[in-house]
Protein backbone atom coordinates (compact mmCIF):
# COMPACT_ATOMS: atom_id res chain seq x y z
CA MET A 1 -14.67 19.33 26.59
CA GLU A 2 -11.41 20.80 27.90
CA PHE A 3 -10.36 24.34 26.98
CA SER A 4 -6.98 26.08 27.07
CA TYR A 5 -8.39 29.57 27.63
CA VAL A 6 -11.76 31.23 28.08
CA GLN A 7 -13.38 34.64 27.70
CA ILE A 8 -15.97 34.67 30.48
CA ASP A 9 -18.21 37.44 29.13
CA PRO A 10 -18.43 38.91 25.59
CA LYS A 11 -17.69 42.36 27.07
CA ASP A 12 -14.37 41.21 28.56
CA ASN A 13 -11.14 42.50 27.06
CA ILE A 14 -9.00 40.01 28.98
CA VAL A 15 -8.95 36.21 28.73
CA VAL A 16 -8.28 33.51 31.38
CA ALA A 17 -5.58 30.90 30.76
CA ILE A 18 -6.94 27.48 31.73
CA LYS A 19 -3.54 25.90 31.11
CA ASN A 20 -0.01 27.23 31.00
CA LEU A 21 0.16 28.90 27.59
CA PRO A 22 3.59 29.28 25.92
CA LYS A 23 4.65 32.37 24.02
CA GLY A 24 3.50 32.17 20.39
CA THR A 25 0.21 30.41 21.17
CA ILE A 26 -2.56 31.67 18.89
CA ALA A 27 -5.80 32.22 20.79
CA GLN A 28 -9.02 32.40 18.81
CA ILE A 29 -11.87 34.24 20.56
CA GLY A 30 -14.84 34.56 18.22
CA ASP A 31 -13.67 36.55 15.24
CA LEU A 32 -10.55 37.77 17.04
CA SER A 33 -7.19 36.03 16.81
CA VAL A 34 -4.36 36.98 19.16
CA THR A 35 -0.79 35.67 19.36
CA LEU A 36 0.67 35.55 22.85
CA GLU A 37 3.76 37.76 23.21
CA GLU A 38 4.89 35.99 26.39
CA ASP A 39 4.21 32.87 28.47
CA ILE A 40 0.90 33.10 30.35
CA LYS A 41 0.62 31.13 33.57
CA GLN A 42 -2.40 28.97 34.30
CA LYS A 43 -5.20 30.99 36.04
CA HIS A 44 -3.72 34.31 34.89
CA LYS A 45 -5.09 36.62 32.22
CA PHE A 46 -3.89 38.12 28.94
CA ALA A 47 -5.11 41.08 26.88
CA LEU A 48 -7.46 40.14 24.06
CA HIS A 49 -6.48 43.27 22.12
CA ALA A 50 -4.32 46.33 22.71
CA ILE A 51 -5.39 48.33 25.78
CA LYS A 52 -4.33 51.96 26.10
CA ASN A 53 -2.98 53.51 29.30
CA GLU A 54 -5.86 54.52 31.64
CA ALA A 55 -8.35 52.49 29.60
CA PRO A 56 -10.90 50.33 31.47
CA ILE A 57 -10.37 46.59 31.82
CA TYR A 58 -13.36 44.27 32.02
CA MET A 59 -13.85 40.72 33.30
CA TYR A 60 -17.10 38.90 34.10
CA GLY A 61 -18.67 41.75 32.10
CA VAL A 62 -17.84 44.34 34.79
CA LEU A 63 -15.09 46.91 35.36
CA ILE A 64 -12.27 45.30 37.36
CA GLY A 65 -9.39 47.70 36.77
CA ILE A 66 -7.68 50.49 34.86
CA ALA A 67 -4.56 50.06 32.73
CA THR A 68 -1.55 51.86 34.19
CA LYS A 69 0.39 51.66 30.90
CA ASP A 70 -0.19 50.61 27.32
CA ILE A 71 -0.82 46.84 27.21
CA ASN A 72 -0.17 44.93 23.99
CA ALA A 73 -2.52 42.22 22.81
CA GLY A 74 -1.38 38.81 24.03
CA THR A 75 0.53 40.08 27.08
CA ALA A 76 -0.14 39.19 30.72
CA ILE A 77 -2.29 41.28 33.06
CA THR A 78 -0.20 41.89 36.18
CA VAL A 79 0.13 44.27 39.13
CA SER A 80 2.60 46.26 36.99
CA ASN A 81 0.06 47.21 34.31
CA ILE A 82 -3.31 47.34 36.09
CA LYS A 83 -4.74 49.02 39.18
CA HIS A 84 -8.02 48.43 40.99
CA ALA A 85 -11.12 50.20 39.73
CA SER A 86 -14.80 49.47 40.16
CA ALA A 87 -17.98 50.85 38.67
CA GLU A 88 -20.09 53.47 40.41
CA TYR A 89 -23.42 52.23 41.69
CA LEU A 90 -26.65 54.16 41.49
CA GLU A 91 -30.35 53.63 42.17
CA ARG A 92 -32.06 50.27 41.82
CA LYS A 93 -33.08 49.39 38.28
CA LYS A 94 -35.88 47.00 37.46
CA ILE A 95 -34.65 43.68 36.09
CA GLU A 96 -36.36 40.83 34.30
CA LYS A 97 -38.30 38.26 36.31
CA TRP A 98 -36.08 35.53 37.76
CA ILE A 99 -36.34 32.13 36.08
CA PRO A 100 -35.37 29.49 38.67
CA PRO A 101 -33.56 26.28 37.69
CA SER A 102 -35.41 22.98 37.44
CA ILE A 103 -35.90 21.34 40.84
CA GLN A 104 -37.21 18.06 39.40
CA ASN A 105 -34.36 15.99 40.88
CA PHE A 106 -34.95 17.34 44.40
CA LYS A 107 -38.66 18.11 44.53
CA ASN A 108 -39.60 15.46 47.10
CA ARG A 109 -36.24 15.10 48.84
CA THR A 110 -35.86 15.58 52.59
CA PHE A 111 -33.03 15.59 55.13
CA ASP A 112 -32.98 14.11 58.61
CA GLY A 113 -32.65 16.97 61.06
CA TYR A 114 -33.30 18.03 64.64
CA HIS A 115 -36.69 19.73 64.90
CA ARG A 116 -36.85 22.66 67.34
CA LYS A 117 -39.91 24.07 69.10
CA ASP A 118 -39.64 27.33 67.14
CA GLY A 119 -40.09 25.48 63.83
CA LYS A 120 -36.46 25.57 62.78
CA VAL A 121 -34.57 22.37 61.95
CA GLY A 122 -30.93 21.74 62.81
CA THR A 123 -28.40 19.79 60.78
CA ALA A 124 -26.58 19.01 64.05
CA ASN A 125 -27.33 18.90 67.79
CA TYR A 126 -24.73 20.65 69.93
CA TRP A 127 -24.51 21.94 73.48
CA LEU A 128 -22.53 25.16 73.91
CA VAL A 129 -20.22 26.26 76.70
CA ILE A 130 -19.66 30.01 76.34
CA PRO A 131 -17.45 32.42 78.30
CA LEU A 132 -18.88 35.93 78.42
CA VAL A 133 -15.35 37.28 78.80
CA PHE A 134 -11.85 36.07 77.94
CA CYS A 135 -11.06 35.79 81.67
CA GLU A 136 -13.19 32.61 81.69
CA ASN A 137 -11.33 30.88 78.84
CA ARG A 138 -9.21 28.86 81.26
CA ASN A 139 -12.30 27.55 83.06
CA VAL A 140 -13.84 26.66 79.72
CA GLU A 141 -10.69 24.68 78.89
CA LEU A 142 -11.00 22.82 82.20
CA LEU A 143 -14.56 21.85 81.31
CA GLU A 144 -13.50 20.74 77.86
CA ALA A 145 -10.71 18.55 79.24
CA SER A 146 -12.98 16.87 81.77
CA LEU A 147 -16.18 16.49 79.76
CA ASN A 148 -15.06 15.54 76.26
CA GLU A 149 -12.96 12.52 77.22
CA ALA A 150 -15.50 11.10 79.64
CA LEU A 151 -18.50 11.60 77.33
CA GLY A 152 -16.87 10.27 74.16
CA TYR A 153 -16.38 13.60 72.37
CA ASN A 154 -12.60 13.51 72.30
CA ASN A 155 -12.47 13.60 68.50
CA LYS A 156 -9.71 16.12 67.90
CA LYS A 157 -7.86 13.48 65.93
CA ASP A 158 -8.56 10.22 64.13
CA ILE A 159 -7.13 8.11 66.98
CA SER A 160 -6.90 8.21 70.77
CA ILE A 161 -3.85 6.86 72.62
CA ASP A 162 -4.61 5.44 76.08
CA THR A 163 -1.31 5.73 77.95
CA HIS A 164 -3.12 4.82 81.20
CA GLU A 165 -3.23 1.17 80.08
CA LEU A 166 0.57 1.11 79.85
CA ILE A 167 0.84 2.69 83.31
CA LYS A 168 -1.48 0.03 84.77
CA LYS A 169 0.60 -2.75 83.26
CA TYR A 170 3.81 -1.22 84.57
CA GLN A 171 2.44 -0.69 88.10
CA ALA A 172 1.10 -4.24 88.14
CA GLY A 173 4.63 -5.53 87.47
CA ASP A 174 3.90 -6.95 84.00
CA SER A 175 6.75 -7.94 81.72
CA ILE A 176 8.24 -5.72 79.05
CA ASP A 177 6.65 -7.95 76.37
CA ALA A 178 3.23 -7.70 78.03
CA ILE A 179 3.49 -3.92 78.21
CA TYR A 180 4.65 -3.70 74.58
CA ASN A 181 1.80 -5.91 73.31
CA THR A 182 -0.96 -3.99 75.14
CA PRO A 183 -3.47 -2.38 72.70
CA ILE A 184 -3.71 1.35 73.44
CA ILE A 185 -5.14 2.81 70.21
CA SER A 186 -8.83 3.57 69.68
CA THR A 187 -9.96 4.74 66.24
CA ARG A 188 -12.25 7.71 65.83
CA LYS A 189 -15.17 5.47 64.85
CA GLU A 190 -14.70 3.46 68.02
CA LEU A 191 -14.57 6.67 70.06
CA MET A 192 -17.83 7.86 68.49
CA LYS A 193 -19.49 4.56 69.45
CA ASN A 194 -18.54 5.29 73.06
CA ARG A 195 -20.57 8.48 73.25
CA VAL A 196 -22.79 8.60 76.31
CA PHE A 197 -25.40 10.78 74.58
CA LYS A 198 -26.04 9.25 71.17
CA ASN A 199 -28.26 12.08 69.90
CA VAL A 200 -25.86 14.88 70.88
CA ASP A 201 -23.18 15.56 68.26
CA GLY A 202 -20.85 17.27 70.69
CA ILE A 203 -20.12 20.03 73.16
CA LYS A 204 -18.64 23.15 71.57
CA TYR A 205 -16.61 25.70 73.50
CA LEU A 206 -16.73 29.24 72.11
CA LYS A 207 -13.54 30.73 73.52
CA HIS A 208 -12.78 34.30 72.42
CA ASP A 209 -10.76 37.40 73.40
CA GLY A 210 -13.68 39.79 73.94
CA GLY A 211 -16.27 40.69 76.54
CA CYS A 212 -14.29 43.43 78.28
CA GLY A 213 -11.96 46.28 77.39
CA GLY A 214 -12.45 47.89 74.01
CA ILE A 215 -15.66 49.85 73.51
CA ARG A 216 -19.12 49.08 74.86
CA GLN A 217 -20.42 48.47 71.35
CA ASP A 218 -18.00 45.54 71.04
CA ALA A 219 -19.56 43.89 74.11
CA GLU A 220 -23.08 44.48 72.77
CA THR A 221 -22.16 43.06 69.37
CA LEU A 222 -20.52 40.03 71.00
CA CYS A 223 -23.68 39.33 73.01
CA ARG A 224 -25.85 39.56 69.90
CA LEU A 225 -23.51 37.17 68.09
CA LEU A 226 -23.54 34.70 71.00
CA ALA A 227 -27.33 34.97 71.16
CA GLY A 228 -27.44 34.03 67.46
CA TYR A 229 -25.34 30.95 68.18
CA ILE A 230 -27.60 29.88 71.05
CA ILE A 231 -30.73 30.36 68.92
CA ASN A 232 -29.20 28.63 65.88
CA ALA A 233 -31.17 25.48 64.97
CA ASN A 234 -28.00 23.39 65.38
CA VAL A 235 -27.84 24.17 69.10
CA ALA A 236 -29.86 22.51 71.88
CA GLY A 237 -28.82 24.83 74.72
CA ALA A 238 -25.88 26.47 76.46
CA THR A 239 -23.91 26.94 79.66
CA ILE A 240 -22.76 30.54 80.14
CA LEU A 241 -19.71 31.34 82.28
CA SER A 242 -19.49 34.91 83.54
CA LEU A 243 -16.78 36.47 85.67
CA GLY A 244 -19.15 39.20 86.83
CA CYS A 245 -17.44 42.55 86.35
CA GLN A 246 -16.95 42.52 82.57
CA ASN A 247 -18.67 44.73 79.97
CA ALA A 248 -20.61 41.80 78.45
CA GLN A 249 -23.10 41.22 81.25
CA MET A 250 -25.47 38.25 81.53
CA GLU A 251 -28.45 40.61 81.29
CA MET A 252 -27.10 41.88 77.97
CA LEU A 253 -27.01 38.35 76.54
CA GLU A 254 -30.46 37.51 77.92
CA LYS A 255 -31.87 40.65 76.29
CA ALA A 256 -30.26 39.77 72.95
CA ILE A 257 -31.77 36.27 73.04
CA LYS A 258 -35.24 37.67 73.74
CA GLU A 259 -34.92 40.18 70.90
CA ILE A 260 -33.94 37.47 68.43
CA SER A 261 -36.34 34.80 69.66
CA PRO A 262 -38.92 36.17 72.15
CA ASN A 263 -40.51 32.78 72.75
CA SER A 264 -37.33 30.71 72.94
CA GLU A 265 -37.57 27.76 75.32
CA LYS A 266 -33.99 26.56 74.90
CA PRO A 267 -32.28 25.84 78.23
CA VAL A 268 -29.54 28.39 78.98
CA HIS A 269 -27.70 28.08 82.31
CA TYR A 270 -25.96 31.21 83.65
CA ILE A 271 -23.32 31.03 86.38
CA GLU A 272 -21.12 33.84 87.73
CA GLN A 273 -17.70 33.17 89.22
CA GLN A 274 -17.59 36.26 91.47
CA GLN A 275 -20.83 35.11 93.12
CA SER A 276 -19.53 31.58 93.62
CA LYS A 277 -18.02 30.22 96.85
CA ASN A 278 -14.73 29.45 95.09
CA GLU A 279 -13.40 28.36 91.71
CA HIS A 280 -13.79 24.66 92.49
CA THR A 281 -17.47 25.15 93.31
CA PHE A 282 -17.89 27.25 90.18
CA ILE A 283 -16.39 24.55 87.92
CA GLU A 284 -18.40 21.83 89.65
CA GLU A 285 -21.66 23.70 89.08
CA ALA A 286 -20.81 24.39 85.43
CA THR A 287 -20.02 20.70 84.89
CA LYS A 288 -23.25 19.49 86.49
CA LEU A 289 -25.43 22.03 84.65
CA THR A 290 -23.83 21.07 81.35
CA PHE A 291 -24.37 17.37 82.05
CA LEU A 292 -28.05 17.98 82.86
CA GLY A 293 -28.36 20.00 79.66
CA LEU A 294 -26.94 17.09 77.66
CA ILE A 295 -29.54 14.76 79.18
CA GLU A 296 -32.26 17.08 77.90
CA ALA A 297 -30.61 17.59 74.49
CA ASN A 298 -30.34 13.82 74.03
CA LYS A 299 -34.14 13.52 73.99
CA THR A 300 -34.22 15.01 70.47
CA SER A 301 -33.47 12.72 67.54
CA ARG A 302 -33.25 13.19 63.79
CA LYS A 303 -36.48 13.20 61.78
CA PRO A 304 -37.26 13.98 58.12
CA ALA A 305 -37.55 17.65 57.19
CA PRO A 306 -38.15 19.49 53.88
CA LEU A 307 -35.16 21.08 52.16
CA SER A 308 -36.85 24.45 52.70
CA LYS A 309 -35.59 24.25 56.31
CA LEU A 310 -31.98 24.56 55.14
CA LYS A 311 -30.16 27.90 55.55
CA LEU A 312 -27.05 27.79 53.41
CA GLY A 313 -24.07 30.04 54.11
CA LEU A 314 -22.05 30.95 51.01
CA GLU A 315 -18.35 31.43 51.74
CA CYS A 316 -14.99 31.49 49.97
CA GLY A 317 -11.38 31.77 51.09
CA GLY A 318 -7.94 31.25 49.65
CA SER A 319 -9.43 32.00 46.23
CA ASP A 320 -7.53 31.53 42.97
CA GLY A 321 -7.94 32.39 39.31
CA PHE A 322 -10.32 29.45 38.81
CA SER A 323 -12.64 30.14 41.78
CA GLY A 324 -14.88 32.48 39.80
CA ILE A 325 -15.32 30.08 36.88
CA SER A 326 -15.73 26.72 38.65
CA ALA A 327 -16.46 26.44 42.39
CA ASN A 328 -18.21 29.78 42.91
CA PRO A 329 -20.70 29.62 40.02
CA ALA A 330 -21.41 25.97 40.90
CA LEU A 331 -22.21 27.02 44.45
CA GLY A 332 -24.32 29.84 43.01
CA TYR A 333 -26.33 27.31 41.03
CA ALA A 334 -26.79 25.21 44.19
CA SER A 335 -27.96 28.36 45.98
CA ASP A 336 -30.53 28.98 43.24
CA LEU A 337 -31.71 25.36 43.47
CA LEU A 338 -32.18 25.56 47.23
CA ILE A 339 -34.05 28.87 46.97
CA ALA A 340 -36.29 27.42 44.25
CA LEU A 341 -37.06 24.63 46.75
CA GLY A 342 -38.14 27.21 49.33
CA GLY A 343 -34.87 27.32 51.27
CA SER A 344 -32.53 30.17 52.20
CA ALA A 345 -29.01 31.22 51.28
CA VAL A 346 -26.79 33.96 52.72
CA LEU A 347 -24.01 35.74 50.84
CA SER A 348 -21.50 37.59 53.05
CA GLU A 349 -18.04 39.23 52.76
CA PHE A 350 -18.95 42.79 51.75
CA PRO A 351 -15.39 43.84 50.77
CA GLU A 352 -15.59 41.08 48.17
CA LEU A 353 -18.73 42.51 46.59
CA ASN A 354 -16.89 45.65 45.52
CA GLY A 355 -17.50 46.28 41.83
CA VAL A 356 -20.72 44.25 41.54
CA GLU A 357 -22.85 46.49 43.77
CA GLN A 358 -25.12 47.65 40.96
CA GLU A 359 -26.08 44.11 39.98
CA LEU A 360 -26.90 43.25 43.60
CA ILE A 361 -28.82 46.49 44.11
CA ASN A 362 -30.89 45.69 41.02
CA ARG A 363 -31.65 42.22 42.40
CA CYS A 364 -33.08 43.57 45.68
CA VAL A 365 -36.81 42.90 45.87
CA HIS A 366 -37.41 45.85 48.19
CA GLU A 367 -36.14 49.41 47.76
CA GLU A 368 -35.31 49.68 51.46
CA ASP A 369 -32.92 46.72 51.15
CA ALA A 370 -31.23 48.32 48.13
CA GLN A 371 -30.72 51.50 50.14
CA LYS A 372 -29.50 49.58 53.18
CA PHE A 373 -26.94 47.69 51.08
CA THR A 374 -25.71 50.95 49.54
CA LYS A 375 -25.40 52.56 52.98
CA LEU A 376 -23.51 49.61 54.47
CA MET A 377 -21.09 49.35 51.54
CA LYS A 378 -20.30 53.06 51.51
CA ALA A 379 -19.85 53.19 55.28
CA TYR A 380 -17.53 50.16 55.18
CA SER A 381 -15.50 51.62 52.31
CA SER A 382 -15.22 55.03 53.99
CA ALA A 383 -14.08 53.47 57.27
CA ALA A 384 -11.34 51.57 55.44
CA VAL A 385 -10.16 54.71 53.66
CA ALA A 386 -10.18 56.64 56.95
CA VAL A 387 -7.47 54.37 58.38
CA GLY A 388 -5.34 54.53 55.24
CA SER A 389 -6.60 51.36 53.58
CA GLY A 390 -9.41 50.51 51.16
CA PHE A 391 -11.15 47.65 49.40
CA GLU A 392 -8.35 47.66 46.82
CA ASN A 393 -6.10 46.18 49.52
CA ASN A 394 -8.31 43.10 49.96
CA PRO A 395 -6.52 40.61 47.65
CA SER A 396 -3.92 38.63 49.58
CA PRO A 397 -0.45 37.76 48.22
CA GLY A 398 -1.78 34.27 47.56
CA ASN A 399 -4.73 35.66 45.58
CA ILE A 400 -2.45 37.81 43.43
CA LYS A 401 0.05 35.01 42.85
CA ASP A 402 -2.76 32.81 41.56
CA GLY A 403 -4.28 35.34 39.19
CA LEU A 404 -6.61 37.59 41.22
CA ILE A 405 -4.91 40.93 40.59
CA THR A 406 -7.50 43.47 41.82
CA ASP A 407 -10.26 43.48 44.42
CA ALA A 408 -12.91 44.04 41.76
CA MET A 409 -11.62 41.03 39.82
CA LYS A 410 -11.73 38.94 43.00
CA SER A 411 -15.16 40.31 43.93
CA ALA A 412 -16.74 39.65 40.54
CA GLY A 413 -15.77 35.98 40.90
CA ALA A 414 -16.69 35.78 44.60
CA ALA A 415 -20.19 37.18 43.97
CA LYS A 416 -20.93 34.21 41.70
CA LYS A 417 -21.60 32.22 44.91
CA GLY A 418 -24.86 34.18 45.19
CA GLY A 419 -26.31 32.78 41.97
CA THR A 420 -28.95 34.80 40.16
CA SER A 421 -31.97 34.76 42.49
CA PRO A 422 -33.67 37.90 43.87
CA ILE A 423 -32.33 39.34 47.13
CA VAL A 424 -35.04 39.26 49.80
CA SER A 425 -33.14 40.95 52.66
CA VAL A 426 -29.96 42.84 53.49
CA LEU A 427 -28.59 42.17 56.98
CA ASP A 428 -26.08 43.98 59.13
CA TYR A 429 -23.71 41.87 61.21
CA THR A 430 -25.56 39.63 63.77
CA GLU A 431 -29.00 40.26 62.20
CA GLN A 432 -30.91 37.05 61.56
CA ALA A 433 -31.67 35.48 58.17
CA GLU A 434 -35.38 34.79 58.58
CA LYS A 435 -36.81 35.09 55.05
CA PRO A 436 -36.71 32.28 52.47
CA GLY A 437 -34.55 33.33 49.54
CA LEU A 438 -31.16 35.03 49.17
CA SER A 439 -29.93 37.45 51.85
CA LEU A 440 -26.82 39.62 51.96
CA LEU A 441 -24.95 39.72 55.29
CA CYS A 442 -22.38 42.40 56.15
CA THR A 443 -19.19 40.66 57.30
CA PRO A 444 -15.49 41.14 56.57
CA GLY A 445 -13.76 39.19 53.82
CA ASN A 446 -11.71 37.46 56.52
CA ASP A 447 -12.66 33.77 56.24
CA VAL A 448 -13.19 32.97 59.91
CA GLU A 449 -14.83 36.27 60.85
CA SER A 450 -17.24 35.71 57.97
CA THR A 451 -18.11 32.06 58.71
CA THR A 452 -18.49 33.04 62.38
CA GLY A 453 -21.02 35.67 61.29
CA LEU A 454 -22.91 33.30 58.96
CA ALA A 455 -23.51 30.79 61.76
CA GLY A 456 -24.46 33.61 64.12
CA SER A 457 -27.11 34.80 61.66
CA GLY A 458 -28.77 31.39 61.50
CA CYS A 459 -27.05 29.34 58.79
CA ASN A 460 -27.31 25.62 59.59
CA ILE A 461 -24.97 24.54 56.77
CA ILE A 462 -22.08 26.33 55.00
CA VAL A 463 -20.29 25.58 51.72
CA PHE A 464 -16.82 27.11 51.53
CA THR A 465 -15.02 27.34 48.18
CA THR A 466 -11.23 27.56 47.96
CA GLY A 467 -8.59 27.59 45.25
CA LEU A 468 -5.48 27.56 47.43
CA GLY A 469 -6.68 25.43 50.36
CA THR A 470 -7.83 26.44 53.82
CA PRO A 471 -8.74 24.34 56.87
CA THR A 472 -11.47 26.68 58.16
CA GLY A 473 -14.49 25.22 59.96
CA ASN A 474 -17.11 26.37 62.46
CA PRO A 475 -18.07 25.10 65.92
CA ILE A 476 -21.80 24.63 65.29
CA THR A 477 -22.39 24.67 61.53
CA PRO A 478 -20.99 21.97 59.21
CA VAL A 479 -18.66 23.54 56.62
CA LEU A 480 -18.26 21.65 53.35
CA LYS A 481 -15.03 22.64 51.63
CA MET A 482 -14.97 22.70 47.81
CA SER A 483 -11.87 23.13 45.65
CA SER A 484 -11.84 25.17 42.45
CA ASN A 485 -9.25 22.88 40.86
CA THR A 486 -8.49 19.17 40.96
CA THR A 487 -4.77 19.62 41.70
CA LEU A 488 -5.68 21.20 45.03
CA TYR A 489 -8.28 18.52 45.78
CA ASN A 490 -5.80 15.71 45.21
CA LYS A 491 -3.17 17.46 47.34
CA MET A 492 -5.46 18.38 50.25
CA LYS A 493 -8.15 15.68 50.40
CA ASP A 494 -7.72 15.67 54.15
CA ILE A 495 -9.42 19.09 54.40
CA ILE A 496 -11.53 19.31 51.22
CA ASP A 497 -14.86 17.53 50.64
CA ILE A 498 -15.81 18.30 47.02
CA ASP A 499 -13.80 18.77 43.82
CA ALA A 500 -15.24 21.39 41.45
CA GLY A 501 -12.11 21.23 39.33
CA THR A 502 -13.91 18.82 37.02
CA ILE A 503 -15.65 21.89 35.59
CA ILE A 504 -12.26 23.19 34.47
CA THR A 505 -11.34 19.86 32.85
CA GLY A 506 -14.75 19.64 31.16
CA ASP A 507 -15.79 16.47 33.00
CA SER A 508 -18.75 18.19 34.64
CA SER A 509 -20.87 21.29 34.13
CA ILE A 510 -21.73 24.09 36.52
CA GLU A 511 -25.29 22.71 36.66
CA SER A 512 -24.28 19.10 37.39
CA MET A 513 -21.80 20.25 40.04
CA GLY A 514 -24.50 22.43 41.60
CA GLU A 515 -26.76 19.40 41.89
CA LYS A 516 -23.90 17.40 43.43
CA ILE A 517 -23.47 20.13 46.04
CA ILE A 518 -27.15 19.87 47.01
CA SER A 519 -26.87 16.08 47.20
CA ASP A 520 -23.82 16.35 49.47
CA ILE A 521 -25.56 18.97 51.60
CA ILE A 522 -28.45 16.55 52.16
CA GLU A 523 -26.05 13.81 53.29
CA VAL A 524 -24.22 16.14 55.69
CA ALA A 525 -27.43 17.72 56.99
CA SER A 526 -28.77 14.23 57.71
CA GLY A 527 -25.70 13.20 59.69
CA ARG A 528 -24.81 10.48 57.20
CA LYS A 529 -21.64 12.23 56.01
CA GLU A 530 -19.14 14.07 58.18
CA VAL A 531 -17.30 17.08 56.77
CA LYS A 532 -13.51 17.18 56.90
CA ALA A 533 -13.59 20.34 59.04
CA GLU A 534 -15.44 18.44 61.78
CA ILE A 535 -13.19 15.39 61.49
CA ASN A 536 -10.19 17.70 61.93
CA SER A 537 -11.87 19.70 64.73
CA ASN A 538 -11.60 23.02 62.89
CA ASN A 539 -13.82 24.89 65.36
CA ASP A 540 -12.82 28.38 64.25
CA PHE A 541 -14.65 31.20 66.05
CA ILE A 542 -13.56 34.85 65.68
CA PRO A 543 -16.15 37.54 66.46
CA TRP A 544 -15.84 40.73 64.41
CA LYS A 545 -15.23 43.80 66.56
CA ARG A 546 -16.44 46.06 63.73
CA GLY A 547 -13.00 47.51 63.26
CA ILE A 548 -11.56 47.52 59.75
CA SER A 549 -11.04 43.95 58.65
CA LEU A 550 -10.86 43.27 54.93
C-alpha cells in the first residue's frame, strides 16, 4: 500500500512527505488532522502541530533538533526554523531480551568462499601490492600497467580496445579496408576468460598519500590498517614496496600483522628500493615475487561455507530523506538475520550516531563496551569542537536539500542500518571485528574513509545504502550499493545493485527487502554475481589520519 506521508514514531512531532504535497492537503495522523499551510517537497518534513520557539523536535522517537522560531502546524521543517540538538547520554540501562527474526528461509544456506588456514572464509581472492609510502606510488602504477593487461585483469571498463592489431595491419601494408574491418574490441566477459589465474579475482594496488611526513601516529595507524587488509579473508597475500627511509617501516607493518594474527601463514613479500641495485632491478623483483604469489594464491578455490563466516559492513553515503525509512532499516533487518545465523555485522561512522548514543549504549552486552563507546564519542565530538566544527556540521548540502536538516535527524536514520541486535564489541579504528554479532567501529562519516576502515577491520562484504547516488567501492571487499528510492535506481543502474525504493511505493516490506539483501549477499559472496562497484573498478582507498573528518 502506497502512502503520501508517514509519522515514523508515535512520539514524533514532525511528519515525512512521501510524495510532493500541495498546500491545502489535509493530513490525518491518528486522531490529529492537519492542513498544510504550504507545499511540502517529497522527502521533507512538516510540523504535525504547532511547535513553540526553543521547543524540542522529535523524529524516529528521538530528539533531532530545537525550534529556532514558532512553527505553525502544517509548515515545512527547514534550516530557517530548526537547529541541531541531540539527547544527552548516560549510563547503560538494562533492556529487554533481543528477539531475533525468523531464519527459516536461510537456516541451511551456504556460500561458496575461499577458506583460509586461520578459519576465516573470503568472499573474494585477491593479491595486494602495497606501497609503504607515497613515494612508491609510481612504481606501483608501473606494476599495475604491466601485470593487469598480461594476466587478464584489465577490467577497468566493459571493453578493451586493441590498437596493436591496427598497427600490425598498417605495418604489414594491408589495405585501408582490411585495417578498417579488423576486430579490435574484446568484451569484459571475454577478458575475464583470458585470466591466467582462474582462482584469483585480481591484483589490487593500495596507493595512498601516507607513510611519511605528518606525525608518527599516522604511520603506525596506516601500518595497522594495511595489516588488517593483508589479514582480511578476501586476501591471499601481498607484495610490499618500501622506499626505506620513511616513517612507516617494514618492521612496523610486520609487528602489526603479528599482533592481529600471530599465527598468520599468508605470504607477504617485502622489498626495499634503497637496498636494491637500481629501480629496474627493484621493479623486476617486485613483478616476479607478485607472480609467484599469484601461483600460490591460485591453488585455493571456492568451497561451501556457512553464512556465519560472513562479516557484513554496514555503510551509507549520499543519504536522502527516504534513507532512514527504506534502505537503512531494510539493511538493519538483514544485519539482524545474519547475526541470528551466527554471522557478524559492523556499524561505523561515529559522527552519524550522534543523538542515538543512549540506545546503542543500552544495547551493549558488556559495560566496558558501553564505556568505551561513550569515551570514543565524547573524544571525537570534543576534537571537532576544538577546531571550530562539530557533529552538527556533518550533513552535506545534498543531505539538506533532500530533507536531512540536522545531524541528529541524519544519524537517527543512519543508525537503522544496525538493526536491533545486541552490541557485542566496540572497536576503535583498525581494531578487528572478531566476535559474532554486531560491533561498532569508530570511523568518520566520510564514505570512503569509512568503507576503507570496515574492510581493514575484517569485513568480507559491505552493503552501502544511498539516496542521492555514489560510486564508492573498495579494493578487496565487494560493496553492494542499495538505493533508498526507485527514481535513483532507474537513473543510476550502472552503479547501484539493489532498489529498496519498493518499500516507499508499498511493493515490498522492510522484512522482505532484508531477506532479498541476504540472498544477494550470498550470490556476491559466492562469486556468482558481480557488484557494480567492481565492474566499474571503484577501488576507493583512503586511510583516516585521525584528524577531524566528519
